[in-house]
N, C-alpha and C. Protein backbone atom coordinates (compact mmCIF):
# COMPACT_ATOMS: atom_id res chain seq x y z
N MET A 1 0.83 -1.17 0.00
CA MET A 1 0.00 0.00 0.00
C MET A 1 0.89 1.24 0.00
N LEU A 2 0.53 2.19 -0.81
CA LEU A 2 1.31 3.42 -0.89
C LEU A 2 1.08 4.28 0.35
N PRO A 3 2.13 4.81 0.94
CA PRO A 3 1.94 5.69 2.09
C PRO A 3 1.40 7.04 1.62
N HIS A 4 0.66 7.70 2.51
CA HIS A 4 0.15 9.03 2.17
C HIS A 4 1.32 9.99 2.07
N MET A 5 1.35 10.75 0.98
CA MET A 5 2.43 11.72 0.77
C MET A 5 1.83 13.10 0.56
N GLU A 6 2.39 14.07 1.22
CA GLU A 6 2.00 15.46 1.01
C GLU A 6 2.88 16.01 -0.11
N ILE A 7 2.26 16.52 -1.15
CA ILE A 7 3.00 17.08 -2.27
C ILE A 7 3.27 18.55 -1.96
N THR A 8 4.52 18.84 -1.65
CA THR A 8 4.89 20.22 -1.33
C THR A 8 5.47 20.92 -2.56
N LEU A 9 5.51 22.22 -2.49
CA LEU A 9 6.10 23.00 -3.57
C LEU A 9 7.57 22.63 -3.75
N ASP A 10 8.28 22.41 -2.66
CA ASP A 10 9.69 22.04 -2.72
C ASP A 10 9.87 20.69 -3.43
N THR A 11 8.99 19.74 -3.13
CA THR A 11 9.06 18.44 -3.79
C THR A 11 8.85 18.58 -5.29
N LEU A 12 7.85 19.36 -5.68
CA LEU A 12 7.60 19.57 -7.11
C LEU A 12 8.76 20.26 -7.79
N LYS A 13 9.38 21.21 -7.13
CA LYS A 13 10.55 21.89 -7.71
C LYS A 13 11.67 20.90 -7.98
N ARG A 14 11.94 20.03 -7.00
CA ARG A 14 13.02 19.06 -7.16
C ARG A 14 12.73 18.08 -8.28
N VAL A 15 11.50 17.57 -8.32
CA VAL A 15 11.14 16.59 -9.34
C VAL A 15 11.19 17.21 -10.74
N THR A 16 10.66 18.40 -10.89
CA THR A 16 10.65 19.01 -12.22
C THR A 16 12.06 19.40 -12.66
N ARG A 17 12.90 19.80 -11.73
CA ARG A 17 14.30 20.09 -12.09
C ARG A 17 15.02 18.84 -12.54
N LEU A 18 14.75 17.71 -11.85
CA LEU A 18 15.37 16.44 -12.27
C LEU A 18 14.92 16.05 -13.67
N ALA A 19 13.69 16.42 -14.03
CA ALA A 19 13.17 16.11 -15.36
C ALA A 19 13.63 17.13 -16.40
N GLY A 20 14.34 18.17 -15.97
CA GLY A 20 14.87 19.15 -16.91
C GLY A 20 13.98 20.37 -17.13
N PHE A 21 13.01 20.59 -16.25
CA PHE A 21 12.11 21.73 -16.38
C PHE A 21 12.45 22.80 -15.36
N GLU A 22 12.23 24.03 -15.71
CA GLU A 22 12.38 25.15 -14.79
C GLU A 22 11.06 25.91 -14.78
N TRP A 23 10.15 25.52 -13.91
CA TRP A 23 8.84 26.14 -13.85
C TRP A 23 8.75 27.12 -12.69
N GLU A 24 7.92 28.11 -12.85
CA GLU A 24 7.68 29.11 -11.81
C GLU A 24 6.84 28.49 -10.69
N ASP A 25 6.92 29.12 -9.51
CA ASP A 25 6.15 28.63 -8.36
C ASP A 25 4.66 28.61 -8.65
N ALA A 26 4.15 29.62 -9.34
CA ALA A 26 2.71 29.69 -9.63
C ALA A 26 2.28 28.52 -10.53
N GLU A 27 3.13 28.15 -11.47
CA GLU A 27 2.82 27.01 -12.35
C GLU A 27 2.79 25.71 -11.55
N LEU A 28 3.75 25.56 -10.64
CA LEU A 28 3.80 24.35 -9.83
C LEU A 28 2.63 24.28 -8.86
N GLU A 29 2.25 25.42 -8.31
CA GLU A 29 1.09 25.45 -7.41
C GLU A 29 -0.18 25.03 -8.15
N ALA A 30 -0.29 25.40 -9.41
CA ALA A 30 -1.45 25.01 -10.21
C ALA A 30 -1.46 23.51 -10.47
N LEU A 31 -0.29 22.88 -10.52
CA LEU A 31 -0.18 21.45 -10.78
C LEU A 31 -0.32 20.58 -9.52
N ARG A 32 -0.15 21.18 -8.36
CA ARG A 32 -0.18 20.40 -7.12
C ARG A 32 -1.44 19.57 -6.93
N PRO A 33 -2.64 20.12 -7.18
CA PRO A 33 -3.84 19.28 -7.02
C PRO A 33 -3.86 18.08 -7.97
N LEU A 34 -3.33 18.26 -9.16
CA LEU A 34 -3.28 17.16 -10.13
C LEU A 34 -2.38 16.03 -9.61
N PHE A 35 -1.23 16.37 -9.08
CA PHE A 35 -0.33 15.36 -8.53
C PHE A 35 -0.97 14.66 -7.34
N ALA A 36 -1.66 15.41 -6.50
CA ALA A 36 -2.31 14.81 -5.33
C ALA A 36 -3.40 13.83 -5.77
N ARG A 37 -4.21 14.19 -6.77
CA ARG A 37 -5.25 13.28 -7.27
C ARG A 37 -4.63 12.05 -7.92
N THR A 38 -3.53 12.23 -8.63
CA THR A 38 -2.86 11.10 -9.27
C THR A 38 -2.35 10.11 -8.23
N LEU A 39 -1.73 10.63 -7.16
CA LEU A 39 -1.26 9.74 -6.10
C LEU A 39 -2.41 9.04 -5.41
N ASP A 40 -3.54 9.72 -5.25
CA ASP A 40 -4.71 9.12 -4.65
C ASP A 40 -5.22 7.97 -5.52
N MET A 41 -5.29 8.19 -6.83
CA MET A 41 -5.74 7.13 -7.73
C MET A 41 -4.77 5.94 -7.73
N LEU A 42 -3.47 6.21 -7.69
CA LEU A 42 -2.49 5.12 -7.63
C LEU A 42 -2.64 4.33 -6.34
N GLY A 43 -2.94 5.02 -5.25
CA GLY A 43 -3.17 4.34 -3.98
C GLY A 43 -4.38 3.43 -4.04
N ARG A 44 -5.46 3.90 -4.70
CA ARG A 44 -6.65 3.06 -4.83
C ARG A 44 -6.37 1.86 -5.73
N LEU A 45 -5.60 2.05 -6.79
CA LEU A 45 -5.24 0.92 -7.65
C LEU A 45 -4.38 -0.09 -6.90
N ASP A 46 -3.50 0.41 -6.07
CA ASP A 46 -2.63 -0.46 -5.30
C ASP A 46 -3.43 -1.32 -4.32
N ALA A 47 -4.60 -0.84 -3.90
CA ALA A 47 -5.42 -1.56 -2.93
C ALA A 47 -6.26 -2.66 -3.58
N VAL A 48 -6.33 -2.72 -4.90
CA VAL A 48 -7.14 -3.73 -5.59
C VAL A 48 -6.49 -5.10 -5.42
N ASP A 49 -7.29 -6.07 -5.00
CA ASP A 49 -6.78 -7.42 -4.82
C ASP A 49 -6.77 -8.14 -6.16
N LEU A 50 -5.62 -8.26 -6.76
CA LEU A 50 -5.50 -8.88 -8.08
C LEU A 50 -5.54 -10.40 -8.03
N ALA A 51 -5.43 -10.97 -6.85
CA ALA A 51 -5.45 -12.43 -6.74
C ALA A 51 -6.81 -13.00 -7.10
N VAL A 52 -7.86 -12.22 -6.97
CA VAL A 52 -9.21 -12.69 -7.28
C VAL A 52 -9.67 -12.23 -8.66
N SER A 53 -8.81 -11.56 -9.40
CA SER A 53 -9.18 -11.04 -10.73
C SER A 53 -8.59 -11.93 -11.82
N GLU A 54 -9.38 -12.10 -12.86
CA GLU A 54 -8.86 -12.82 -14.02
C GLU A 54 -8.19 -11.82 -14.95
N PRO A 55 -7.19 -12.26 -15.69
CA PRO A 55 -6.53 -11.34 -16.62
C PRO A 55 -7.52 -10.86 -17.69
N SER A 56 -7.38 -9.62 -18.10
CA SER A 56 -8.27 -9.09 -19.12
C SER A 56 -7.83 -9.49 -20.52
N THR A 57 -6.59 -9.91 -20.67
CA THR A 57 -6.06 -10.32 -21.98
C THR A 57 -5.35 -11.65 -21.82
N GLN A 58 -5.55 -12.49 -22.78
CA GLN A 58 -4.84 -13.77 -22.78
C GLN A 58 -4.08 -13.89 -24.09
N TYR A 59 -2.86 -14.34 -24.02
CA TYR A 59 -2.03 -14.53 -25.20
C TYR A 59 -1.94 -16.02 -25.50
N ARG A 60 -2.15 -16.36 -26.73
CA ARG A 60 -2.06 -17.76 -27.13
C ARG A 60 -1.06 -17.89 -28.27
N VAL A 61 -0.24 -18.87 -28.18
CA VAL A 61 0.72 -19.16 -29.24
C VAL A 61 0.09 -20.21 -30.13
N LEU A 62 -0.05 -19.88 -31.41
CA LEU A 62 -0.66 -20.83 -32.36
C LEU A 62 0.37 -21.62 -33.10
């Protein structure tokens, strides 16, 4: 299970710099809710029990 993470402005600055971007604080503040929702969705996906799910695709060698 993914731990709850607070997305801070400093964290976004570091991550975007590592990716080669130089964004202004206002731009990063606008993106913060998007990152928080994305982490929330990943956490919900992580909680899905895949042991009881059948694969959606099957590959067959003919």
